[in-house]
């Protein structure tokens, strides 16, 4: 598969898994909104290098072969921060994450959170439509960018997480901002000619 085919294949796999997620409060409205889901997920994956996409595609296919829903796991892991008491009741259902893996995830997340904070300063209108940024802002009804990211990273295989971490470090060293790249993709997928055009359209 070429890169675009890989992105589409992963989004399709995620959507099928997302459709099966059993929420505590019943089915969420976003589970019936493929268009928004597709834009959000494609915005992320279009920024990824092909080798990382290939590795995560394998993760997902292997999880499906085990009848394991990676999206259910992702949202479950977020509950450790948003609803810790409820998380305690379900945490034993998830694969054990080593302290080393958690430490790597925390280091990656800190870099990405700083990128998102930089983006929010530069593009406040776009940022106002996104999640709150830091985990200390979590509530049972609000999941921050940081918590969502950590929940997702913890579902990656060690192979995928290693590739992802190396790529993030490479981006940081080259002075790039992944949050800005992803949000640029979002603006373009919604039909704006640029990130700046989307920001201006959201003024007021």
N, C-alpha and C. Protein backbone atom coordinates (compact mmCIF):
# COMPACT_ATOMS: atom_id res chain seq x y z
N UNK A 1 0.84 -1.20 0.00
CA UNK A 1 0.00 0.00 0.00
C UNK A 1 0.87 1.25 0.00
N UNK A 2 0.42 2.27 -0.72
CA UNK A 2 1.13 3.55 -0.62
C UNK A 2 0.65 4.27 0.63
N UNK A 3 1.22 5.45 0.89
CA UNK A 3 0.93 6.14 2.15
C UNK A 3 -0.55 6.49 2.29
N UNK A 4 -1.16 7.01 1.24
CA UNK A 4 -2.57 7.40 1.31
C UNK A 4 -3.46 6.18 1.56
N UNK A 5 -3.13 5.07 0.92
CA UNK A 5 -3.91 3.84 1.14
C UNK A 5 -3.77 3.36 2.58
N UNK A 6 -2.56 3.46 3.12
CA UNK A 6 -2.32 3.07 4.51
C UNK A 6 -3.15 3.93 5.48
N UNK A 7 -3.13 5.24 5.24
CA UNK A 7 -3.90 6.16 6.09
C UNK A 7 -5.38 5.78 6.05
N UNK A 8 -5.91 5.58 4.86
CA UNK A 8 -7.33 5.23 4.73
C UNK A 8 -7.65 3.89 5.38
N UNK A 9 -6.73 2.93 5.23
CA UNK A 9 -6.95 1.61 5.82
C UNK A 9 -6.97 1.67 7.35
N UNK A 10 -6.05 2.45 7.92
CA UNK A 10 -6.00 2.59 9.39
C UNK A 10 -7.25 3.29 9.90
N UNK A 11 -7.66 4.36 9.23
CA UNK A 11 -8.86 5.09 9.66
C UNK A 11 -10.08 4.18 9.60
N UNK A 12 -10.16 3.34 8.57
CA UNK A 12 -11.28 2.41 8.45
C UNK A 12 -11.26 1.38 9.58
N UNK A 13 -10.08 0.86 9.89
CA UNK A 13 -9.95 -0.09 11.00
C UNK A 13 -10.35 0.57 12.32
N UNK A 14 -9.91 1.80 12.52
CA UNK A 14 -10.23 2.52 13.76
C UNK A 14 -11.73 2.79 13.86
N UNK A 15 -12.33 3.17 12.75
CA UNK A 15 -13.76 3.48 12.77
C UNK A 15 -14.58 2.25 13.14
N UNK A 16 -14.23 1.11 12.57
CA UNK A 16 -14.95 -0.12 12.90
C UNK A 16 -14.80 -0.47 14.37
N UNK A 17 -13.59 -0.25 14.91
CA UNK A 17 -13.35 -0.51 16.33
C UNK A 17 -14.07 0.51 17.21
N UNK A 18 -14.04 1.77 16.79
CA UNK A 18 -14.70 2.84 17.53
C UNK A 18 -16.20 2.61 17.60
N UNK A 19 -16.76 2.10 16.52
CA UNK A 19 -18.20 1.81 16.46
C UNK A 19 -18.62 0.78 17.51
N UNK A 20 -17.66 -0.07 17.91
CA UNK A 20 -17.97 -1.15 18.85
C UNK A 20 -17.66 -0.79 20.30
N UNK A 21 -17.11 0.41 20.53
CA UNK A 21 -16.78 0.81 21.90
C UNK A 21 -18.06 0.96 22.71
N UNK A 22 -18.08 0.32 23.86
CA UNK A 22 -19.26 0.34 24.74
C UNK A 22 -19.03 1.36 25.84
N UNK A 23 -19.63 2.55 25.69
CA UNK A 23 -19.43 3.61 26.68
C UNK A 23 -20.29 3.39 27.91
N UNK A 24 -19.78 3.84 29.06
CA UNK A 24 -20.52 3.70 30.31
C UNK A 24 -21.86 4.41 30.26
N UNK A 25 -21.89 5.57 29.58
CA UNK A 25 -23.12 6.35 29.51
C UNK A 25 -23.96 6.08 28.28
N UNK A 26 -23.65 4.99 27.57
CA UNK A 26 -24.36 4.69 26.34
C UNK A 26 -23.61 5.19 25.12
N UNK A 27 -24.13 4.93 23.96
CA UNK A 27 -23.47 5.29 22.71
C UNK A 27 -23.30 6.80 22.60
N UNK A 28 -22.08 7.23 22.24
CA UNK A 28 -21.79 8.66 22.11
C UNK A 28 -22.17 9.15 20.72
N UNK A 29 -22.56 10.43 20.64
CA UNK A 29 -22.94 11.02 19.35
C UNK A 29 -21.81 10.90 18.33
N UNK A 30 -20.56 11.05 18.79
CA UNK A 30 -19.42 11.03 17.87
C UNK A 30 -19.25 9.66 17.20
N UNK A 31 -19.87 8.61 17.79
CA UNK A 31 -19.78 7.29 17.18
C UNK A 31 -20.67 7.17 15.93
N UNK A 32 -21.46 8.20 15.68
CA UNK A 32 -22.31 8.23 14.49
C UNK A 32 -21.87 9.30 13.49
N UNK A 33 -20.69 9.85 13.71
CA UNK A 33 -20.21 10.96 12.88
C UNK A 33 -18.89 10.58 12.22
N UNK A 34 -18.98 9.82 11.13
CA UNK A 34 -17.76 9.35 10.46
C UNK A 34 -16.97 10.50 9.86
N UNK A 35 -17.65 11.50 9.32
CA UNK A 35 -16.93 12.59 8.65
C UNK A 35 -15.96 13.29 9.59
N UNK A 36 -16.44 13.67 10.78
CA UNK A 36 -15.56 14.33 11.75
C UNK A 36 -14.45 13.39 12.20
N UNK A 37 -14.83 12.15 12.47
CA UNK A 37 -13.85 11.14 12.88
C UNK A 37 -12.75 11.00 11.83
N UNK A 38 -13.17 10.90 10.58
CA UNK A 38 -12.23 10.72 9.48
C UNK A 38 -11.26 11.89 9.36
N UNK A 39 -11.78 13.11 9.46
CA UNK A 39 -10.93 14.29 9.36
C UNK A 39 -9.91 14.32 10.50
N UNK A 40 -10.38 14.07 11.72
CA UNK A 40 -9.49 14.13 12.88
C UNK A 40 -8.37 13.09 12.79
N UNK A 41 -8.73 11.86 12.40
CA UNK A 41 -7.74 10.80 12.36
C UNK A 41 -6.81 10.95 11.16
N UNK A 42 -7.35 11.31 10.00
CA UNK A 42 -6.50 11.50 8.82
C UNK A 42 -5.52 12.65 9.04
N UNK A 43 -5.97 13.70 9.72
CA UNK A 43 -5.09 14.84 10.00
C UNK A 43 -3.83 14.38 10.71
N UNK A 44 -4.00 13.43 11.62
CA UNK A 44 -2.85 12.90 12.37
C UNK A 44 -2.00 12.00 11.49
N UNK A 45 -2.64 11.04 10.83
CA UNK A 45 -1.87 10.03 10.12
C UNK A 45 -1.19 10.55 8.86
N UNK A 46 -1.75 11.57 8.25
CA UNK A 46 -1.10 12.15 7.07
C UNK A 46 0.25 12.79 7.43
N UNK A 47 0.42 13.14 8.70
CA UNK A 47 1.69 13.73 9.15
C UNK A 47 2.75 12.66 9.46
N UNK A 48 2.32 11.41 9.59
CA UNK A 48 3.24 10.34 9.97
C UNK A 48 4.10 9.87 8.79
N UNK A 49 5.32 9.41 9.06
CA UNK A 49 6.12 8.76 8.01
C UNK A 49 5.54 7.37 7.70
N UNK A 50 5.83 6.87 6.51
CA UNK A 50 5.22 5.62 6.06
C UNK A 50 5.60 4.43 6.95
N UNK A 51 6.85 4.37 7.42
CA UNK A 51 7.25 3.20 8.23
C UNK A 51 6.48 3.14 9.54
N UNK A 52 6.11 4.29 10.08
CA UNK A 52 5.33 4.33 11.30
C UNK A 52 3.89 3.88 11.04
N UNK A 53 3.34 4.32 9.93
CA UNK A 53 2.00 3.88 9.53
C UNK A 53 1.96 2.37 9.35
N UNK A 54 2.97 1.83 8.71
CA UNK A 54 3.02 0.38 8.46
C UNK A 54 3.08 -0.39 9.77
N UNK A 55 3.86 0.12 10.72
CA UNK A 55 3.99 -0.56 12.02
C UNK A 55 2.68 -0.53 12.79
N UNK A 56 2.01 0.62 12.78
CA UNK A 56 0.75 0.72 13.52
C UNK A 56 -0.36 -0.09 12.84
N UNK A 57 -0.33 -0.16 11.52
CA UNK A 57 -1.30 -0.99 10.80
C UNK A 57 -1.16 -2.45 11.24
N UNK A 58 0.08 -2.93 11.38
CA UNK A 58 0.32 -4.28 11.86
C UNK A 58 -0.22 -4.44 13.28
N UNK A 59 0.03 -3.44 14.15
CA UNK A 59 -0.51 -3.47 15.52
C UNK A 59 -2.01 -3.73 15.49
N UNK A 60 -2.70 -2.97 14.65
CA UNK A 60 -4.16 -3.04 14.62
C UNK A 60 -4.63 -4.39 14.09
N UNK A 61 -3.99 -4.86 13.03
CA UNK A 61 -4.38 -6.15 12.46
C UNK A 61 -4.14 -7.28 13.46
N UNK A 62 -3.02 -7.21 14.17
CA UNK A 62 -2.73 -8.25 15.17
C UNK A 62 -3.72 -8.19 16.33
N UNK A 63 -4.10 -6.98 16.73
CA UNK A 63 -5.09 -6.84 17.80
C UNK A 63 -6.44 -7.42 17.36
N UNK A 64 -6.83 -7.15 16.13
CA UNK A 64 -8.10 -7.68 15.62
C UNK A 64 -8.08 -9.20 15.58
N UNK A 65 -6.93 -9.77 15.24
CA UNK A 65 -6.81 -11.23 15.20
C UNK A 65 -6.98 -11.84 16.59
N UNK A 66 -6.64 -11.06 17.61
CA UNK A 66 -6.82 -11.51 19.01
C UNK A 66 -8.19 -11.12 19.56
N UNK A 67 -9.02 -10.53 18.69
CA UNK A 67 -10.33 -10.00 19.13
C UNK A 67 -10.18 -8.95 20.23
N UNK A 68 -9.12 -8.16 20.12
CA UNK A 68 -8.86 -7.10 21.09
C UNK A 68 -9.12 -5.74 20.44
N UNK A 69 -9.92 -4.91 21.09
CA UNK A 69 -10.29 -3.61 20.54
C UNK A 69 -9.34 -2.53 21.07
N UNK A 70 -8.44 -2.07 20.21
CA UNK A 70 -7.46 -1.06 20.64
C UNK A 70 -8.11 0.27 21.00
N UNK A 71 -9.24 0.58 20.39
CA UNK A 71 -9.91 1.85 20.70
C UNK A 71 -10.57 1.78 22.08
N UNK A 72 -11.16 0.64 22.40
CA UNK A 72 -11.69 0.45 23.75
C UNK A 72 -10.57 0.59 24.78
N UNK A 73 -9.42 0.00 24.48
CA UNK A 73 -8.28 0.12 25.40
C UNK A 73 -7.84 1.57 25.54
N UNK A 74 -7.76 2.29 24.42
CA UNK A 74 -7.33 3.69 24.46
C UNK A 74 -8.23 4.51 25.38
N UNK A 75 -9.54 4.41 25.19
CA UNK A 75 -10.46 5.19 26.01
C UNK A 75 -10.45 4.70 27.46
N UNK A 76 -10.26 3.42 27.65
CA UNK A 76 -10.17 2.90 29.01
C UNK A 76 -8.97 3.46 29.74
N UNK A 77 -7.84 3.55 29.06
CA UNK A 77 -6.62 4.07 29.70
C UNK A 77 -6.76 5.55 30.03
N UNK A 78 -7.52 6.29 29.26
CA UNK A 78 -7.76 7.70 29.58
C UNK A 78 -8.47 7.86 30.92
N UNK A 79 -9.27 6.86 31.27
CA UNK A 79 -10.06 6.93 32.51
C UNK A 79 -9.18 6.97 33.75
N UNK A 80 -7.92 6.55 33.62
CA UNK A 80 -7.01 6.61 34.77
C UNK A 80 -6.88 8.04 35.28
N UNK A 81 -7.03 9.01 34.36
CA UNK A 81 -6.94 10.42 34.74
C UNK A 81 -8.31 11.07 34.90
N UNK A 82 -9.28 10.69 34.05
CA UNK A 82 -10.57 11.38 34.06
C UNK A 82 -11.53 10.84 35.13
N UNK A 83 -11.54 9.53 35.32
CA UNK A 83 -12.41 8.92 36.34
C UNK A 83 -11.64 7.79 37.03
N UNK A 84 -10.65 8.14 37.87
CA UNK A 84 -9.75 7.14 38.44
C UNK A 84 -10.42 6.01 39.22
N UNK A 85 -11.51 6.31 39.90
CA UNK A 85 -12.18 5.24 40.66
C UNK A 85 -12.77 4.20 39.72
N UNK A 86 -13.35 4.65 38.62
CA UNK A 86 -13.91 3.71 37.65
C UNK A 86 -12.80 2.95 36.92
N UNK A 87 -11.68 3.63 36.72
CA UNK A 87 -10.54 2.96 36.08
C UNK A 87 -10.04 1.80 36.94
N UNK A 88 -10.01 1.98 38.24
CA UNK A 88 -9.55 0.92 39.14
C UNK A 88 -10.35 -0.36 38.94
N UNK A 89 -11.61 -0.22 38.60
CA UNK A 89 -12.48 -1.38 38.44
C UNK A 89 -12.26 -2.13 37.14
N UNK A 90 -11.60 -1.48 36.16
CA UNK A 90 -11.43 -2.13 34.86
C UNK A 90 -9.98 -2.33 34.44
N UNK A 91 -9.04 -1.77 35.20
CA UNK A 91 -7.64 -1.73 34.76
C UNK A 91 -7.04 -3.11 34.53
N UNK A 92 -7.53 -4.13 35.25
CA UNK A 92 -6.97 -5.47 35.11
C UNK A 92 -7.33 -6.12 33.78
N UNK A 93 -8.25 -5.51 33.04
CA UNK A 93 -8.64 -6.05 31.73
C UNK A 93 -7.62 -5.71 30.65
N UNK A 94 -6.76 -4.71 30.94
CA UNK A 94 -5.83 -4.21 29.93
C UNK A 94 -4.47 -4.88 30.05
N UNK A 95 -3.72 -4.93 28.95
CA UNK A 95 -2.35 -5.45 29.02
C UNK A 95 -1.52 -4.64 30.02
N UNK A 96 -0.63 -5.30 30.71
CA UNK A 96 0.22 -4.62 31.68
C UNK A 96 1.23 -3.75 30.94
N UNK A 97 1.34 -2.48 31.38
CA UNK A 97 2.33 -1.56 30.81
C UNK A 97 3.48 -1.43 31.78
N UNK A 98 4.68 -1.67 31.30
CA UNK A 98 5.85 -1.56 32.16
C UNK A 98 6.10 -0.10 32.54
N UNK A 99 6.86 0.08 33.63
CA UNK A 99 7.23 1.43 34.04
C UNK A 99 8.07 2.10 32.97
N UNK A 100 8.89 1.30 32.27
CA UNK A 100 9.71 1.85 31.19
C UNK A 100 8.83 2.41 30.08
N UNK A 101 7.80 1.67 29.71
CA UNK A 101 6.90 2.13 28.65
C UNK A 101 6.17 3.40 29.08
N UNK A 102 5.71 3.42 30.31
CA UNK A 102 5.02 4.62 30.82
C UNK A 102 5.96 5.84 30.82
N UNK A 103 7.22 5.60 31.18
CA UNK A 103 8.19 6.70 31.21
C UNK A 103 8.42 7.25 29.81
N UNK A 104 8.53 6.36 28.82
CA UNK A 104 8.72 6.78 27.43
C UNK A 104 7.50 7.59 26.97
N UNK A 105 6.32 7.09 27.28
CA UNK A 105 5.07 7.78 26.90
C UNK A 105 5.02 9.16 27.54
N UNK A 106 5.40 9.27 28.80
CA UNK A 106 5.38 10.57 29.48
C UNK A 106 6.36 11.55 28.84
N UNK A 107 7.54 11.06 28.44
CA UNK A 107 8.54 11.93 27.80
C UNK A 107 8.04 12.43 26.44
N UNK A 108 7.45 11.53 25.67
CA UNK A 108 6.90 11.91 24.37
C UNK A 108 5.78 12.92 24.55
N UNK A 109 4.88 12.63 25.49
CA UNK A 109 3.72 13.50 25.71
C UNK A 109 4.14 14.90 26.12
N UNK A 110 5.18 15.02 26.92
CA UNK A 110 5.63 16.34 27.35
C UNK A 110 6.07 17.19 26.17
N UNK A 111 6.78 16.58 25.23
CA UNK A 111 7.20 17.30 24.02
C UNK A 111 5.98 17.76 23.23
N UNK A 112 5.01 16.85 23.06
CA UNK A 112 3.85 17.17 22.25
C UNK A 112 2.92 18.17 22.92
N UNK A 113 2.84 18.11 24.24
CA UNK A 113 2.03 19.09 24.97
C UNK A 113 2.62 20.49 24.79
N UNK A 114 3.93 20.60 24.85
CA UNK A 114 4.58 21.90 24.65
C UNK A 114 4.33 22.41 23.23
N UNK A 115 4.36 21.51 22.26
CA UNK A 115 4.03 21.91 20.89
C UNK A 115 2.61 22.45 20.80
N UNK A 116 1.68 21.75 21.47
CA UNK A 116 0.28 22.18 21.42
C UNK A 116 0.10 23.53 22.11
N UNK A 117 0.83 23.76 23.19
CA UNK A 117 0.74 25.05 23.87
C UNK A 117 1.30 26.16 22.98
N UNK A 118 2.38 25.87 22.26
CA UNK A 118 2.92 26.85 21.32
C UNK A 118 1.90 27.14 20.21
N UNK A 119 1.28 26.08 19.71
CA UNK A 119 0.27 26.25 18.67
C UNK A 119 -0.89 27.11 19.16
N UNK A 120 -1.34 26.86 20.39
CA UNK A 120 -2.48 27.58 20.95
C UNK A 120 -2.20 29.08 21.08
N UNK A 121 -0.96 29.41 21.38
CA UNK A 121 -0.59 30.83 21.47
C UNK A 121 -0.63 31.50 20.10
N UNK A 122 -0.19 30.77 19.07
CA UNK A 122 -0.11 31.32 17.73
C UNK A 122 -1.46 31.32 17.01
N UNK A 123 -2.27 30.30 17.32
CA UNK A 123 -3.57 30.15 16.64
C UNK A 123 -4.67 29.92 17.68
N UNK A 124 -5.00 30.96 18.45
CA UNK A 124 -5.95 30.79 19.56
C UNK A 124 -7.36 30.38 19.12
N UNK A 125 -7.78 30.83 17.95
CA UNK A 125 -9.13 30.48 17.49
C UNK A 125 -9.23 29.00 17.15
N UNK A 126 -8.24 28.49 16.44
CA UNK A 126 -8.22 27.06 16.14
C UNK A 126 -8.11 26.25 17.43
N UNK A 127 -7.27 26.71 18.34
CA UNK A 127 -7.06 25.98 19.59
C UNK A 127 -8.31 25.96 20.46
N UNK A 128 -9.13 27.01 20.35
CA UNK A 128 -10.34 27.07 21.18
C UNK A 128 -11.35 26.00 20.79
N UNK A 129 -11.22 25.47 19.57
CA UNK A 129 -12.11 24.40 19.12
C UNK A 129 -11.54 23.02 19.42
N UNK A 130 -10.35 22.98 19.98
CA UNK A 130 -9.70 21.71 20.30
C UNK A 130 -9.87 21.39 21.79
N UNK A 131 -9.27 20.30 22.20
CA UNK A 131 -9.35 19.90 23.61
C UNK A 131 -8.55 20.85 24.50
N UNK A 132 -8.90 20.89 25.79
CA UNK A 132 -8.00 21.54 26.74
C UNK A 132 -6.69 20.76 26.69
N UNK A 133 -5.60 21.36 27.13
CA UNK A 133 -4.30 20.78 26.80
C UNK A 133 -3.74 19.84 27.88
N UNK A 134 -3.69 20.29 29.13
CA UNK A 134 -2.99 19.51 30.16
C UNK A 134 -3.93 18.63 30.98
N UNK A 135 -3.36 17.53 31.49
CA UNK A 135 -4.16 16.54 32.22
C UNK A 135 -4.79 17.09 33.49
N UNK A 136 -4.19 18.14 34.07
CA UNK A 136 -4.79 18.68 35.30
C UNK A 136 -6.16 19.31 35.04
N UNK A 137 -6.49 19.50 33.77
CA UNK A 137 -7.81 20.04 33.41
C UNK A 137 -8.85 18.93 33.18
N UNK A 138 -8.45 17.69 33.36
CA UNK A 138 -9.37 16.57 33.16
C UNK A 138 -10.51 16.58 34.15
N UNK A 139 -11.68 16.18 33.68
CA UNK A 139 -12.84 15.92 34.54
C UNK A 139 -13.54 14.69 33.95
N UNK A 140 -14.55 14.16 34.62
CA UNK A 140 -15.28 13.05 34.01
C UNK A 140 -15.92 13.41 32.67
N UNK A 141 -16.06 14.72 32.41
CA UNK A 141 -16.73 15.16 31.17
C UNK A 141 -15.77 15.89 30.22
N UNK A 142 -14.49 15.91 30.59
CA UNK A 142 -13.51 16.61 29.75
C UNK A 142 -12.20 15.83 29.76
N UNK A 143 -11.79 15.38 28.58
CA UNK A 143 -10.52 14.67 28.44
C UNK A 143 -9.54 15.57 27.70
N UNK A 144 -8.44 15.87 28.36
CA UNK A 144 -7.45 16.79 27.77
C UNK A 144 -6.68 16.15 26.63
N UNK A 145 -6.01 16.98 25.87
CA UNK A 145 -5.12 16.54 24.80
C UNK A 145 -4.04 15.61 25.36
N UNK A 146 -3.45 16.00 26.49
CA UNK A 146 -2.38 15.20 27.09
C UNK A 146 -2.87 13.81 27.47
N UNK A 147 -4.02 13.74 28.09
CA UNK A 147 -4.55 12.45 28.53
C UNK A 147 -4.95 11.58 27.35
N UNK A 148 -5.56 12.21 26.34
CA UNK A 148 -5.94 11.47 25.13
C UNK A 148 -4.68 10.90 24.46
N UNK A 149 -3.65 11.72 24.35
CA UNK A 149 -2.40 11.29 23.71
C UNK A 149 -1.77 10.12 24.46
N UNK A 150 -1.68 10.25 25.78
CA UNK A 150 -1.07 9.17 26.57
C UNK A 150 -1.88 7.88 26.44
N UNK A 151 -3.20 8.00 26.46
CA UNK A 151 -4.04 6.82 26.30
C UNK A 151 -3.77 6.12 24.99
N UNK A 152 -3.57 6.90 23.95
CA UNK A 152 -3.29 6.34 22.63
C UNK A 152 -1.90 5.72 22.58
N UNK A 153 -0.90 6.43 23.06
CA UNK A 153 0.48 5.93 23.00
C UNK A 153 0.64 4.62 23.77
N UNK A 154 -0.09 4.48 24.86
CA UNK A 154 0.02 3.26 25.68
C UNK A 154 -0.53 2.03 24.97
N UNK A 155 -1.30 2.23 23.91
CA UNK A 155 -1.82 1.08 23.16
C UNK A 155 -0.85 0.63 22.07
N UNK A 156 0.17 1.42 21.77
CA UNK A 156 1.11 1.06 20.71
C UNK A 156 1.99 -0.11 21.16
N UNK A 157 2.36 -0.94 20.21
CA UNK A 157 3.35 -1.99 20.50
C UNK A 157 4.68 -1.33 20.82
N UNK A 158 5.58 -2.07 21.44
CA UNK A 158 6.91 -1.52 21.73
C UNK A 158 7.61 -1.10 20.45
N UNK A 159 7.40 -1.86 19.38
CA UNK A 159 8.01 -1.52 18.08
C UNK A 159 7.49 -0.18 17.57
N UNK A 160 6.17 -0.01 17.58
CA UNK A 160 5.57 1.23 17.08
C UNK A 160 5.93 2.41 17.98
N UNK A 161 5.91 2.19 19.28
CA UNK A 161 6.25 3.28 20.20
C UNK A 161 7.69 3.71 20.02
N UNK A 162 8.59 2.75 19.76
CA UNK A 162 9.99 3.09 19.52
C UNK A 162 10.16 3.93 18.27
N UNK A 163 9.48 3.54 17.20
CA UNK A 163 9.53 4.32 15.96
C UNK A 163 8.94 5.71 16.17
N UNK A 164 7.83 5.75 16.90
CA UNK A 164 7.16 7.03 17.14
C UNK A 164 8.04 7.97 17.97
N UNK A 165 8.61 7.43 19.04
CA UNK A 165 9.46 8.24 19.90
C UNK A 165 10.67 8.80 19.17
N UNK A 166 11.30 7.96 18.34
CA UNK A 166 12.46 8.41 17.57
C UNK A 166 12.07 9.53 16.60
N UNK A 167 10.90 9.38 16.00
CA UNK A 167 10.41 10.40 15.06
C UNK A 167 10.12 11.72 15.77
N UNK A 168 9.51 11.64 16.95
CA UNK A 168 9.20 12.86 17.71
C UNK A 168 10.49 13.59 18.09
N UNK A 169 11.49 12.85 18.53
CA UNK A 169 12.79 13.46 18.88
C UNK A 169 13.41 14.12 17.65
N UNK A 170 13.30 13.44 16.51
CA UNK A 170 13.83 13.98 15.25
C UNK A 170 13.13 15.29 14.88
N UNK A 171 11.81 15.32 15.04
CA UNK A 171 11.05 16.54 14.76
C UNK A 171 11.47 17.67 15.69
N UNK A 172 11.63 17.34 16.96
CA UNK A 172 12.01 18.37 17.94
C UNK A 172 13.39 18.94 17.61
N UNK A 173 14.31 18.08 17.25
CA UNK A 173 15.68 18.54 16.94
C UNK A 173 15.70 19.42 15.69
N UNK A 174 14.77 19.18 14.78
CA UNK A 174 14.74 19.96 13.54
C UNK A 174 13.86 21.21 13.66
N UNK A 175 13.34 21.44 14.88
CA UNK A 175 12.56 22.65 15.12
C UNK A 175 11.16 22.63 14.57
N UNK A 176 10.64 21.45 14.28
CA UNK A 176 9.28 21.34 13.74
C UNK A 176 8.26 21.20 14.87
N UNK A 177 7.01 21.49 14.56
CA UNK A 177 5.93 21.40 15.53
C UNK A 177 4.85 20.50 14.95
N UNK A 178 4.76 19.28 15.48
CA UNK A 178 3.80 18.31 14.95
C UNK A 178 2.36 18.76 15.14
N UNK A 179 2.08 19.44 16.23
CA UNK A 179 0.72 19.93 16.46
C UNK A 179 0.29 20.86 15.33
N UNK A 180 1.19 21.71 14.92
CA UNK A 180 0.89 22.65 13.83
C UNK A 180 0.69 21.90 12.51
N UNK A 181 1.51 20.88 12.27
CA UNK A 181 1.37 20.09 11.04
C UNK A 181 0.02 19.38 11.00
N UNK A 182 -0.38 18.81 12.12
CA UNK A 182 -1.66 18.09 12.18
C UNK A 182 -2.83 19.07 12.01
N UNK A 183 -2.75 20.21 12.68
CA UNK A 183 -3.84 21.18 12.56
C UNK A 183 -3.90 21.80 11.16
N UNK A 184 -2.76 21.89 10.51
CA UNK A 184 -2.76 22.34 9.11
C UNK A 184 -3.51 21.34 8.25
N UNK A 185 -3.25 20.06 8.47
CA UNK A 185 -3.98 19.02 7.74
C UNK A 185 -5.48 19.11 8.00
N UNK A 186 -5.85 19.38 9.25
CA UNK A 186 -7.27 19.52 9.60
C UNK A 186 -7.90 20.66 8.81
N UNK A 187 -7.22 21.80 8.78
CA UNK A 187 -7.74 22.96 8.05
C UNK A 187 -7.92 22.65 6.57
N UNK A 188 -6.94 21.98 5.98
CA UNK A 188 -7.01 21.65 4.55
C UNK A 188 -8.13 20.65 4.27
N UNK A 189 -8.29 19.66 5.14
CA UNK A 189 -9.34 18.66 4.95
C UNK A 189 -10.73 19.26 5.09
N UNK A 190 -10.83 20.35 5.85
CA UNK A 190 -12.12 21.05 5.97
C UNK A 190 -12.32 22.07 4.85
N UNK A 191 -11.38 22.14 3.92
CA UNK A 191 -11.57 22.97 2.74
C UNK A 191 -10.95 24.35 2.78
N UNK A 192 -10.23 24.67 3.86
CA UNK A 192 -9.53 25.95 3.91
C UNK A 192 -8.25 25.88 3.10
N UNK A 193 -7.81 27.01 2.58
CA UNK A 193 -6.60 27.00 1.76
C UNK A 193 -5.34 26.94 2.61
N UNK A 194 -5.47 27.29 3.89
CA UNK A 194 -4.31 27.28 4.79
C UNK A 194 -4.78 27.30 6.23
N UNK A 195 -3.84 27.07 7.13
CA UNK A 195 -4.12 27.17 8.56
C UNK A 195 -4.49 28.60 8.92
N UNK A 196 -3.80 29.56 8.31
CA UNK A 196 -4.08 30.97 8.58
C UNK A 196 -5.48 31.36 8.15
N UNK A 197 -5.94 30.79 7.03
CA UNK A 197 -7.30 31.07 6.55
C UNK A 197 -8.34 30.51 7.51
N UNK A 198 -8.08 29.33 8.04
CA UNK A 198 -9.00 28.73 9.01
C UNK A 198 -9.04 29.56 10.28
N UNK A 199 -7.88 30.02 10.74
CA UNK A 199 -7.81 30.84 11.95
C UNK A 199 -8.61 32.12 11.78
N UNK A 200 -8.45 32.75 10.63
CA UNK A 200 -9.16 34.01 10.36
C UNK A 200 -10.66 33.80 10.28
N UNK A 201 -11.07 32.67 9.69
CA UNK A 201 -12.50 32.38 9.54
C UNK A 201 -13.18 32.17 10.89
N UNK A 202 -12.38 31.78 11.89
CA UNK A 202 -12.93 31.51 13.23
C UNK A 202 -12.91 32.73 14.15
N UNK A 203 -12.44 33.86 13.65
CA UNK A 203 -12.40 35.07 14.47
C UNK A 203 -13.81 35.50 14.87
N UNK A 204 -13.94 35.95 16.11
CA UNK A 204 -15.23 36.46 16.59
C UNK A 204 -16.22 35.36 16.86
